[in-house]
Amino acid sequence: MSDEHGNTANLHLPSVVRAFVDVVRARETAGGEAHCGEMDGWPLLPAAVRYAAAATPGAPPCSPPGP
């Protein structure tokens, strides 16, 4: 998946899915509401890409994150 800002993520990679989970948990820890159930992932994409990229620091620039 990709957005209009060039953020891309392969949702078939466990590390990318984990990045989305980490983003949601970080927001809850920072004082956001706990969320259970469905939610729109599009607003989370840029942060999830940053989390996944941080987990794979050796990846070339502009490559989709995740191992």
N, C-alpha and C. Protein backbone atom coordinates (compact mmCIF):
# COMPACT_ATOMS: atom_id res chain seq x y z
N MET A 1 0.83 -1.15 0.00
CA MET A 1 0.00 0.00 0.00
C MET A 1 0.89 1.22 0.00
N SER A 2 0.42 2.30 -0.58
CA SER A 2 1.16 3.55 -0.57
C SER A 2 0.18 4.71 -0.53
N ASP A 3 0.67 5.84 -0.03
CA ASP A 3 -0.19 7.02 0.03
C ASP A 3 0.33 8.10 -0.91
N GLU A 4 -0.34 9.23 -0.91
CA GLU A 4 0.02 10.32 -1.82
C GLU A 4 1.34 10.98 -1.46
N HIS A 5 1.90 10.66 -0.30
CA HIS A 5 3.17 11.25 0.13
C HIS A 5 4.35 10.33 -0.15
N GLY A 6 4.10 9.20 -0.78
CA GLY A 6 5.17 8.27 -1.10
C GLY A 6 5.49 7.27 -0.01
N ASN A 7 4.71 7.24 1.06
CA ASN A 7 4.90 6.23 2.09
C ASN A 7 4.37 4.91 1.57
N THR A 8 5.21 3.88 1.65
CA THR A 8 4.78 2.57 1.17
C THR A 8 5.01 1.51 2.25
N ALA A 9 4.17 0.51 2.25
CA ALA A 9 4.31 -0.59 3.20
C ALA A 9 3.71 -1.85 2.59
N ASN A 10 4.41 -2.95 2.77
CA ASN A 10 3.93 -4.25 2.32
C ASN A 10 3.26 -4.94 3.51
N LEU A 11 1.95 -4.99 3.50
CA LEU A 11 1.20 -5.54 4.63
C LEU A 11 1.34 -7.05 4.76
N HIS A 12 2.04 -7.69 3.83
CA HIS A 12 2.28 -9.13 3.94
C HIS A 12 3.49 -9.43 4.82
N LEU A 13 4.26 -8.39 5.17
CA LEU A 13 5.44 -8.59 6.00
C LEU A 13 5.08 -8.44 7.48
N PRO A 14 5.41 -9.43 8.29
CA PRO A 14 5.09 -9.34 9.70
C PRO A 14 5.67 -8.09 10.37
N SER A 15 6.85 -7.65 9.94
CA SER A 15 7.46 -6.47 10.56
C SER A 15 6.65 -5.21 10.31
N VAL A 16 5.99 -5.13 9.17
CA VAL A 16 5.18 -3.96 8.85
C VAL A 16 3.89 -3.98 9.68
N VAL A 17 3.29 -5.13 9.78
CA VAL A 17 2.09 -5.25 10.61
C VAL A 17 2.44 -4.93 12.06
N ARG A 18 3.58 -5.41 12.51
CA ARG A 18 4.03 -5.12 13.86
C ARG A 18 4.24 -3.61 14.05
N ALA A 19 4.74 -2.94 13.03
CA ALA A 19 4.93 -1.48 13.12
C ALA A 19 3.61 -0.77 13.34
N PHE A 20 2.55 -1.21 12.67
CA PHE A 20 1.23 -0.60 12.89
C PHE A 20 0.78 -0.82 14.33
N VAL A 21 1.00 -2.02 14.86
CA VAL A 21 0.64 -2.32 16.25
C VAL A 21 1.44 -1.42 17.19
N ASP A 22 2.72 -1.26 16.91
CA ASP A 22 3.56 -0.41 17.76
C ASP A 22 3.11 1.04 17.75
N VAL A 23 2.68 1.53 16.59
CA VAL A 23 2.19 2.91 16.49
C VAL A 23 0.95 3.09 17.37
N VAL A 24 0.02 2.16 17.28
CA VAL A 24 -1.21 2.25 18.08
C VAL A 24 -0.88 2.18 19.56
N ARG A 25 0.00 1.27 19.95
CA ARG A 25 0.37 1.14 21.36
C ARG A 25 1.09 2.38 21.86
N ALA A 26 1.94 2.98 21.05
CA ALA A 26 2.65 4.19 21.45
C ALA A 26 1.68 5.34 21.66
N ARG A 27 0.67 5.44 20.81
CA ARG A 27 -0.33 6.49 20.98
C ARG A 27 -1.15 6.29 22.24
N GLU A 28 -1.46 5.06 22.56
CA GLU A 28 -2.20 4.76 23.79
C GLU A 28 -1.35 5.10 25.01
N THR A 29 -0.05 4.77 24.96
CA THR A 29 0.85 5.05 26.06
C THR A 29 1.03 6.55 26.26
N ALA A 30 0.98 7.31 25.17
CA ALA A 30 1.17 8.76 25.24
C ALA A 30 -0.09 9.49 25.69
N GLY A 31 -1.07 8.77 26.16
CA GLY A 31 -2.27 9.41 26.69
C GLY A 31 -3.48 9.31 25.79
N GLY A 32 -3.34 8.61 24.68
CA GLY A 32 -4.50 8.41 23.81
C GLY A 32 -5.42 7.35 24.37
N GLU A 33 -6.59 7.25 23.80
CA GLU A 33 -7.55 6.24 24.26
C GLU A 33 -7.12 4.85 23.81
N ALA A 34 -7.35 3.88 24.65
CA ALA A 34 -7.12 2.50 24.26
C ALA A 34 -8.13 2.15 23.17
N HIS A 35 -7.69 1.41 22.19
CA HIS A 35 -8.57 1.11 21.07
C HIS A 35 -8.69 -0.40 20.91
N CYS A 36 -9.89 -0.84 20.76
CA CYS A 36 -10.16 -2.25 20.55
C CYS A 36 -11.16 -2.34 19.40
N GLY A 37 -10.83 -3.09 18.37
CA GLY A 37 -11.71 -3.23 17.23
C GLY A 37 -11.07 -2.66 15.97
N GLU A 38 -11.89 -2.35 15.02
CA GLU A 38 -11.40 -1.83 13.74
C GLU A 38 -11.03 -0.36 13.83
N MET A 39 -10.03 0.02 13.02
CA MET A 39 -9.69 1.43 12.89
C MET A 39 -9.09 1.66 11.52
N ASP A 40 -9.14 2.88 11.07
CA ASP A 40 -8.60 3.25 9.76
C ASP A 40 -7.08 3.34 9.87
N GLY A 41 -6.37 2.55 9.10
CA GLY A 41 -4.91 2.54 9.15
C GLY A 41 -4.22 3.60 8.33
N TRP A 42 -4.95 4.23 7.40
CA TRP A 42 -4.31 5.24 6.55
C TRP A 42 -3.63 6.36 7.34
N PRO A 43 -4.27 6.92 8.35
CA PRO A 43 -3.60 7.99 9.10
C PRO A 43 -2.35 7.50 9.85
N LEU A 44 -2.25 6.20 10.07
CA LEU A 44 -1.11 5.64 10.79
C LEU A 44 0.06 5.28 9.88
N LEU A 45 -0.16 5.29 8.56
CA LEU A 45 0.85 4.82 7.62
C LEU A 45 2.20 5.53 7.76
N PRO A 46 2.26 6.87 7.78
CA PRO A 46 3.59 7.51 7.89
C PRO A 46 4.35 7.09 9.15
N ALA A 47 3.67 7.03 10.28
CA ALA A 47 4.34 6.63 11.52
C ALA A 47 4.75 5.16 11.46
N ALA A 48 3.92 4.31 10.88
CA ALA A 48 4.25 2.88 10.77
C ALA A 48 5.46 2.69 9.88
N VAL A 49 5.56 3.46 8.81
CA VAL A 49 6.72 3.37 7.93
C VAL A 49 7.98 3.77 8.69
N ARG A 50 7.90 4.81 9.51
CA ARG A 50 9.06 5.23 10.31
C ARG A 50 9.45 4.14 11.31
N TYR A 51 8.47 3.52 11.98
CA TYR A 51 8.76 2.44 12.92
C TYR A 51 9.43 1.27 12.20
N ALA A 52 8.88 0.87 11.07
CA ALA A 52 9.44 -0.27 10.34
C ALA A 52 10.83 0.05 9.81
N ALA A 53 11.05 1.27 9.35
CA ALA A 53 12.37 1.67 8.85
C ALA A 53 13.39 1.67 9.97
N ALA A 54 12.99 2.09 11.15
CA ALA A 54 13.90 2.08 12.30
C ALA A 54 14.31 0.66 12.67
N ALA A 55 13.44 -0.29 12.38
CA ALA A 55 13.74 -1.69 12.68
C ALA A 55 14.67 -2.31 11.64
N THR A 56 14.82 -1.65 10.48
CA THR A 56 15.68 -2.15 9.41
C THR A 56 16.59 -1.02 8.93
N PRO A 57 17.53 -0.57 9.79
CA PRO A 57 18.34 0.60 9.46
C PRO A 57 19.25 0.44 8.25
N GLY A 58 19.56 -0.78 7.85
CA GLY A 58 20.45 -0.99 6.71
C GLY A 58 19.74 -0.96 5.36
N ALA A 59 18.44 -0.76 5.35
CA ALA A 59 17.69 -0.77 4.08
C ALA A 59 18.04 0.47 3.25
N PRO A 60 18.14 0.31 1.94
CA PRO A 60 18.43 1.46 1.08
C PRO A 60 17.31 2.50 1.16
N PRO A 61 17.66 3.77 0.97
CA PRO A 61 16.63 4.83 0.96
C PRO A 61 15.55 4.54 -0.08
N CYS A 62 14.34 4.89 0.23
CA CYS A 62 13.17 4.76 -0.66
C CYS A 62 12.75 3.32 -0.88
N SER A 63 13.30 2.38 -0.14
CA SER A 63 12.84 1.00 -0.28
C SER A 63 11.75 0.76 0.75
N PRO A 64 10.79 -0.12 0.42
CA PRO A 64 9.74 -0.41 1.38
C PRO A 64 10.35 -0.98 2.65
N PRO A 65 9.86 -0.59 3.81
CA PRO A 65 10.43 -1.09 5.06
C PRO A 65 10.08 -2.53 5.33
N GLY A 66 10.85 -3.11 6.19
CA GLY A 66 10.61 -4.49 6.60
C GLY A 66 11.66 -5.42 6.04
N PRO A 67 11.93 -6.52 6.73
CA PRO A 67 12.93 -7.47 6.26
C PRO A 67 12.46 -8.25 5.06
